[in-house]
Amino acid sequence: MYRIMFYHTSGMIEEKLEKKKPTYEQMRDFVGGLIQYVPIRKRGKEIIVNEEGYCLQLPLNPLQTPLVQGTGWELTPFAGNFLTIEKVKPDEKPLNLGNLKINMFDLRK
């Protein structure tokens, strides 16, 4: 079982629990282009970003900061949507995020 978290540039976070990892095409569709694995594993998570997001001038994704803190990727901007994939136990329950949307201005206070 895998927990897939979708981080939108709007600040919205979505969660899905799936039996299989997403396919290359599914990941590409979400990030809006070629995918790039960020070569870190934080708490067992894989991070997948749009390889050309910055070159394509996609909006910067403010949700990156908490995930990459202390990994050396803090100064590399994630442009566009990105996702994380984490292997979880088969009986894992959803986080019940509902329609969670993070206002980044609130986090900077």
N, C-alpha and C. Protein backbone atom coordinates (compact mmCIF):
# COMPACT_ATOMS: atom_id res chain seq x y z
N MET A 1 0.85 -1.17 0.00
CA MET A 1 0.00 0.00 0.00
C MET A 1 0.90 1.24 0.00
N TYR A 2 0.47 2.25 -0.74
CA TYR A 2 1.25 3.49 -0.86
C TYR A 2 0.38 4.70 -0.55
N ARG A 3 0.95 5.63 0.19
CA ARG A 3 0.30 6.92 0.41
C ARG A 3 0.91 7.89 -0.59
N ILE A 4 0.05 8.46 -1.42
CA ILE A 4 0.50 9.44 -2.41
C ILE A 4 -0.07 10.79 -1.99
N MET A 5 0.81 11.74 -1.80
CA MET A 5 0.40 13.09 -1.41
C MET A 5 0.67 14.02 -2.58
N PHE A 6 -0.34 14.78 -2.97
CA PHE A 6 -0.24 15.71 -4.09
C PHE A 6 -0.17 17.13 -3.52
N TYR A 7 0.87 17.85 -3.84
CA TYR A 7 1.10 19.21 -3.34
C TYR A 7 0.92 20.19 -4.50
N HIS A 8 -0.16 20.94 -4.45
CA HIS A 8 -0.49 21.89 -5.51
C HIS A 8 0.14 23.26 -5.21
N THR A 9 0.47 24.01 -6.24
CA THR A 9 1.04 25.35 -6.04
C THR A 9 0.04 26.28 -5.37
N SER A 10 -1.24 25.95 -5.40
CA SER A 10 -2.27 26.76 -4.75
C SER A 10 -2.22 26.62 -3.23
N GLY A 11 -1.45 25.64 -2.74
CA GLY A 11 -1.41 25.38 -1.30
C GLY A 11 -2.27 24.20 -0.90
N MET A 12 -3.03 23.64 -1.85
CA MET A 12 -3.87 22.50 -1.53
C MET A 12 -3.05 21.22 -1.50
N ILE A 13 -3.38 20.35 -0.55
CA ILE A 13 -2.74 19.05 -0.42
C ILE A 13 -3.82 17.98 -0.51
N GLU A 14 -3.59 16.99 -1.37
CA GLU A 14 -4.52 15.87 -1.50
C GLU A 14 -3.79 14.58 -1.16
N GLU A 15 -4.55 13.59 -0.71
CA GLU A 15 -3.98 12.30 -0.35
C GLU A 15 -4.75 11.18 -1.04
N LYS A 16 -4.01 10.14 -1.46
CA LYS A 16 -4.63 8.92 -1.97
C LYS A 16 -3.88 7.74 -1.38
N LEU A 17 -4.61 6.70 -1.03
CA LEU A 17 -4.00 5.43 -0.65
C LEU A 17 -4.25 4.47 -1.81
N GLU A 18 -3.17 3.90 -2.34
CA GLU A 18 -3.27 3.03 -3.51
C GLU A 18 -2.47 1.74 -3.26
N LYS A 19 -2.91 0.66 -3.91
CA LYS A 19 -2.19 -0.60 -3.78
C LYS A 19 -0.88 -0.59 -4.55
N LYS A 20 -0.83 0.19 -5.63
CA LYS A 20 0.36 0.26 -6.47
C LYS A 20 0.88 1.69 -6.52
N LYS A 21 2.17 1.80 -6.82
CA LYS A 21 2.75 3.12 -7.06
C LYS A 21 2.12 3.70 -8.32
N PRO A 22 2.04 5.02 -8.41
CA PRO A 22 1.53 5.60 -9.66
C PRO A 22 2.47 5.28 -10.83
N THR A 23 1.89 5.20 -12.01
CA THR A 23 2.69 4.95 -13.20
C THR A 23 3.44 6.23 -13.59
N TYR A 24 4.39 6.07 -14.48
CA TYR A 24 5.12 7.23 -15.00
C TYR A 24 4.14 8.25 -15.59
N GLU A 25 3.17 7.76 -16.35
CA GLU A 25 2.20 8.64 -17.01
C GLU A 25 1.36 9.39 -15.98
N GLN A 26 0.95 8.71 -14.91
CA GLN A 26 0.15 9.37 -13.87
C GLN A 26 0.96 10.46 -13.17
N MET A 27 2.23 10.16 -12.87
CA MET A 27 3.08 11.17 -12.23
C MET A 27 3.30 12.34 -13.16
N ARG A 28 3.57 12.05 -14.43
CA ARG A 28 3.80 13.10 -15.43
C ARG A 28 2.56 13.99 -15.58
N ASP A 29 1.39 13.39 -15.60
CA ASP A 29 0.16 14.16 -15.72
C ASP A 29 -0.01 15.12 -14.54
N PHE A 30 0.30 14.65 -13.32
CA PHE A 30 0.11 15.52 -12.17
C PHE A 30 1.11 16.67 -12.14
N VAL A 31 2.39 16.38 -12.40
CA VAL A 31 3.39 17.46 -12.32
C VAL A 31 3.37 18.34 -13.56
N GLY A 32 2.71 17.88 -14.62
CA GLY A 32 2.56 18.70 -15.82
C GLY A 32 3.75 18.67 -16.75
N GLY A 33 4.50 17.60 -16.75
CA GLY A 33 5.66 17.51 -17.64
C GLY A 33 6.54 16.34 -17.26
N LEU A 34 7.79 16.42 -17.68
CA LEU A 34 8.74 15.36 -17.37
C LEU A 34 8.95 15.28 -15.87
N ILE A 35 9.12 14.06 -15.36
CA ILE A 35 9.29 13.92 -13.92
C ILE A 35 10.77 13.81 -13.57
N GLN A 36 11.07 14.24 -12.36
CA GLN A 36 12.41 14.10 -11.80
C GLN A 36 12.25 13.64 -10.37
N TYR A 37 12.97 12.57 -10.02
CA TYR A 37 13.02 12.14 -8.62
C TYR A 37 14.02 13.02 -7.91
N VAL A 38 13.62 13.60 -6.81
CA VAL A 38 14.55 14.37 -5.98
C VAL A 38 15.34 13.33 -5.19
N PRO A 39 16.67 13.30 -5.34
CA PRO A 39 17.47 12.21 -4.78
C PRO A 39 17.66 12.30 -3.27
N ILE A 40 16.57 12.36 -2.57
CA ILE A 40 16.63 12.27 -1.11
C ILE A 40 15.50 11.35 -0.68
N ARG A 41 15.66 10.77 0.43
CA ARG A 41 14.57 10.00 1.02
C ARG A 41 14.42 10.52 2.44
N LYS A 42 13.31 11.15 2.67
CA LYS A 42 13.06 11.70 3.99
C LYS A 42 11.89 10.94 4.60
N ARG A 43 12.16 10.28 5.68
CA ARG A 43 11.13 9.48 6.34
C ARG A 43 10.50 8.47 5.39
N GLY A 44 11.32 7.92 4.49
CA GLY A 44 10.83 6.90 3.58
C GLY A 44 10.00 7.41 2.42
N LYS A 45 10.01 8.72 2.18
CA LYS A 45 9.22 9.30 1.10
C LYS A 45 10.07 9.53 -0.13
N GLU A 46 9.47 9.27 -1.28
CA GLU A 46 10.06 9.67 -2.55
C GLU A 46 9.40 10.98 -2.95
N ILE A 47 10.19 11.90 -3.48
CA ILE A 47 9.64 13.19 -3.92
C ILE A 47 9.81 13.26 -5.43
N ILE A 48 8.72 13.57 -6.13
CA ILE A 48 8.73 13.66 -7.59
C ILE A 48 8.28 15.05 -8.00
N VAL A 49 9.10 15.72 -8.81
CA VAL A 49 8.82 17.09 -9.24
C VAL A 49 8.82 17.16 -10.77
N ASN A 50 8.42 18.31 -11.29
CA ASN A 50 8.49 18.58 -12.73
C ASN A 50 9.94 18.96 -13.05
N GLU A 51 10.58 18.16 -13.89
CA GLU A 51 12.00 18.37 -14.21
C GLU A 51 12.26 19.75 -14.81
N GLU A 52 11.33 20.26 -15.59
CA GLU A 52 11.53 21.54 -16.26
C GLU A 52 10.68 22.66 -15.67
N GLY A 53 10.11 22.43 -14.50
CA GLY A 53 9.20 23.40 -13.91
C GLY A 53 9.78 24.80 -13.80
N TYR A 54 11.01 24.89 -13.36
CA TYR A 54 11.64 26.21 -13.19
C TYR A 54 11.89 26.86 -14.55
N CYS A 55 12.38 26.08 -15.52
CA CYS A 55 12.65 26.61 -16.87
C CYS A 55 11.36 27.05 -17.56
N LEU A 56 10.27 26.33 -17.28
CA LEU A 56 8.98 26.68 -17.88
C LEU A 56 8.28 27.82 -17.13
N GLN A 57 8.94 28.33 -16.10
CA GLN A 57 8.43 29.43 -15.28
C GLN A 57 7.09 29.09 -14.63
N LEU A 58 6.96 27.82 -14.18
CA LEU A 58 5.78 27.45 -13.41
C LEU A 58 5.86 28.13 -12.05
N PRO A 59 4.73 28.35 -11.40
CA PRO A 59 4.78 29.00 -10.08
C PRO A 59 5.58 28.16 -9.09
N LEU A 60 6.32 28.83 -8.22
CA LEU A 60 7.05 28.12 -7.18
C LEU A 60 6.06 27.49 -6.21
N ASN A 61 6.42 26.32 -5.71
CA ASN A 61 5.53 25.62 -4.79
C ASN A 61 6.00 25.84 -3.36
N PRO A 62 5.25 26.60 -2.58
CA PRO A 62 5.67 26.92 -1.22
C PRO A 62 5.61 25.74 -0.26
N LEU A 63 4.98 24.64 -0.65
CA LEU A 63 4.85 23.49 0.24
C LEU A 63 6.11 22.64 0.29
N GLN A 64 7.11 23.00 -0.49
CA GLN A 64 8.37 22.25 -0.53
C GLN A 64 9.14 22.36 0.77
N THR A 65 9.17 23.53 1.37
CA THR A 65 10.09 23.81 2.48
C THR A 65 10.04 22.80 3.61
N PRO A 66 8.85 22.46 4.16
CA PRO A 66 8.86 21.50 5.28
C PRO A 66 9.37 20.12 4.90
N LEU A 67 9.22 19.73 3.65
CA LEU A 67 9.64 18.39 3.24
C LEU A 67 11.13 18.26 3.02
N VAL A 68 11.80 19.34 2.68
CA VAL A 68 13.22 19.24 2.35
C VAL A 68 14.13 19.87 3.41
N GLN A 69 13.56 20.34 4.48
CA GLN A 69 14.36 20.97 5.55
C GLN A 69 15.46 20.02 6.01
N GLY A 70 16.69 20.49 6.00
CA GLY A 70 17.82 19.71 6.48
C GLY A 70 18.34 18.67 5.51
N THR A 71 17.97 18.76 4.23
CA THR A 71 18.38 17.75 3.26
C THR A 71 19.37 18.28 2.22
N GLY A 72 19.59 19.59 2.21
CA GLY A 72 20.44 20.18 1.19
C GLY A 72 19.66 20.70 -0.01
N TRP A 73 18.36 20.48 -0.05
CA TRP A 73 17.52 20.93 -1.16
C TRP A 73 16.75 22.19 -0.83
N GLU A 74 17.05 22.82 0.28
CA GLU A 74 16.29 24.01 0.70
C GLU A 74 16.39 25.16 -0.29
N LEU A 75 17.51 25.29 -0.96
CA LEU A 75 17.71 26.43 -1.86
C LEU A 75 17.35 26.11 -3.32
N THR A 76 16.88 24.90 -3.58
CA THR A 76 16.48 24.52 -4.94
C THR A 76 14.97 24.62 -5.03
N PRO A 77 14.46 25.56 -5.81
CA PRO A 77 13.00 25.75 -5.85
C PRO A 77 12.29 24.64 -6.61
N PHE A 78 11.18 24.19 -6.06
CA PHE A 78 10.30 23.28 -6.78
C PHE A 78 9.27 24.16 -7.47
N ALA A 79 9.22 24.10 -8.78
CA ALA A 79 8.26 24.90 -9.53
C ALA A 79 7.17 23.97 -10.05
N GLY A 80 5.95 24.35 -9.80
CA GLY A 80 4.82 23.52 -10.20
C GLY A 80 4.41 22.56 -9.11
N ASN A 81 3.45 21.72 -9.46
CA ASN A 81 2.97 20.71 -8.52
C ASN A 81 4.03 19.65 -8.32
N PHE A 82 4.02 19.01 -7.14
CA PHE A 82 4.89 17.86 -6.93
C PHE A 82 4.15 16.86 -6.07
N LEU A 83 4.70 15.66 -5.96
CA LEU A 83 4.05 14.63 -5.17
C LEU A 83 5.07 13.86 -4.38
N THR A 84 4.59 13.19 -3.33
CA THR A 84 5.42 12.28 -2.56
C THR A 84 4.75 10.92 -2.55
N ILE A 85 5.58 9.90 -2.48
CA ILE A 85 5.10 8.52 -2.42
C ILE A 85 5.76 7.88 -1.22
N GLU A 86 4.95 7.23 -0.40
CA GLU A 86 5.45 6.61 0.82
C GLU A 86 4.80 5.24 0.97
N LYS A 87 5.61 4.22 1.20
CA LYS A 87 5.07 2.89 1.44
C LYS A 87 4.50 2.85 2.86
N VAL A 88 3.27 2.34 2.99
CA VAL A 88 2.61 2.27 4.30
C VAL A 88 2.08 0.86 4.51
N LYS A 89 1.66 0.56 5.73
CA LYS A 89 1.10 -0.74 6.06
C LYS A 89 -0.22 -0.95 5.32
N PRO A 90 -0.54 -2.21 5.00
CA PRO A 90 -1.77 -2.48 4.25
C PRO A 90 -3.05 -1.99 4.93
N ASP A 91 -3.04 -1.90 6.25
CA ASP A 91 -4.24 -1.46 6.97
C ASP A 91 -4.20 0.03 7.31
N GLU A 92 -3.30 0.75 6.68
CA GLU A 92 -3.14 2.19 6.96
C GLU A 92 -4.43 2.95 6.66
N LYS A 93 -4.75 3.89 7.51
CA LYS A 93 -5.93 4.73 7.34
C LYS A 93 -5.53 6.06 6.70
N PRO A 94 -6.45 6.66 5.95
CA PRO A 94 -6.15 7.99 5.38
C PRO A 94 -5.91 9.01 6.49
N LEU A 95 -5.18 10.05 6.15
CA LEU A 95 -4.91 11.12 7.11
C LEU A 95 -6.12 12.02 7.32
N ASN A 96 -7.15 11.86 6.47
CA ASN A 96 -8.37 12.67 6.55
C ASN A 96 -8.05 14.16 6.51
N LEU A 97 -7.37 14.54 5.46
CA LEU A 97 -7.02 15.95 5.29
C LEU A 97 -8.22 16.79 4.87
N GLY A 98 -9.26 16.13 4.36
CA GLY A 98 -10.40 16.90 3.85
C GLY A 98 -9.92 17.76 2.70
N ASN A 99 -10.37 18.96 2.64
CA ASN A 99 -9.91 19.91 1.63
C ASN A 99 -8.87 20.83 2.25
N LEU A 100 -7.79 20.24 2.71
CA LEU A 100 -6.76 21.02 3.37
C LEU A 100 -6.11 21.97 2.39
N LYS A 101 -6.06 23.20 2.78
CA LYS A 101 -5.35 24.20 2.00
C LYS A 101 -4.52 25.01 2.98
N ILE A 102 -3.25 25.13 2.68
CA ILE A 102 -2.34 25.84 3.57
C ILE A 102 -2.11 27.24 3.03
N ASN A 103 -2.34 28.21 3.87
CA ASN A 103 -2.05 29.60 3.51
C ASN A 103 -0.61 29.87 3.95
N MET A 104 0.27 30.03 3.00
CA MET A 104 1.69 30.17 3.33
C MET A 104 1.99 31.42 4.12
N PHE A 105 1.16 32.44 4.01
CA PHE A 105 1.41 33.65 4.78
C PHE A 105 1.23 33.37 6.26
N ASP A 106 0.30 32.49 6.61
CA ASP A 106 0.11 32.12 8.00
C ASP A 106 1.33 31.39 8.57
N LEU A 107 1.98 30.57 7.72
CA LEU A 107 3.14 29.81 8.19
C LEU A 107 4.37 30.68 8.42
N ARG A 108 4.39 31.83 7.81
CA ARG A 108 5.57 32.71 7.94
C ARG A 108 5.49 33.61 9.17
N LYS A 109 4.40 33.64 9.86
CA LYS A 109 4.26 34.53 11.03
C LYS A 109 5.13 34.06 12.17
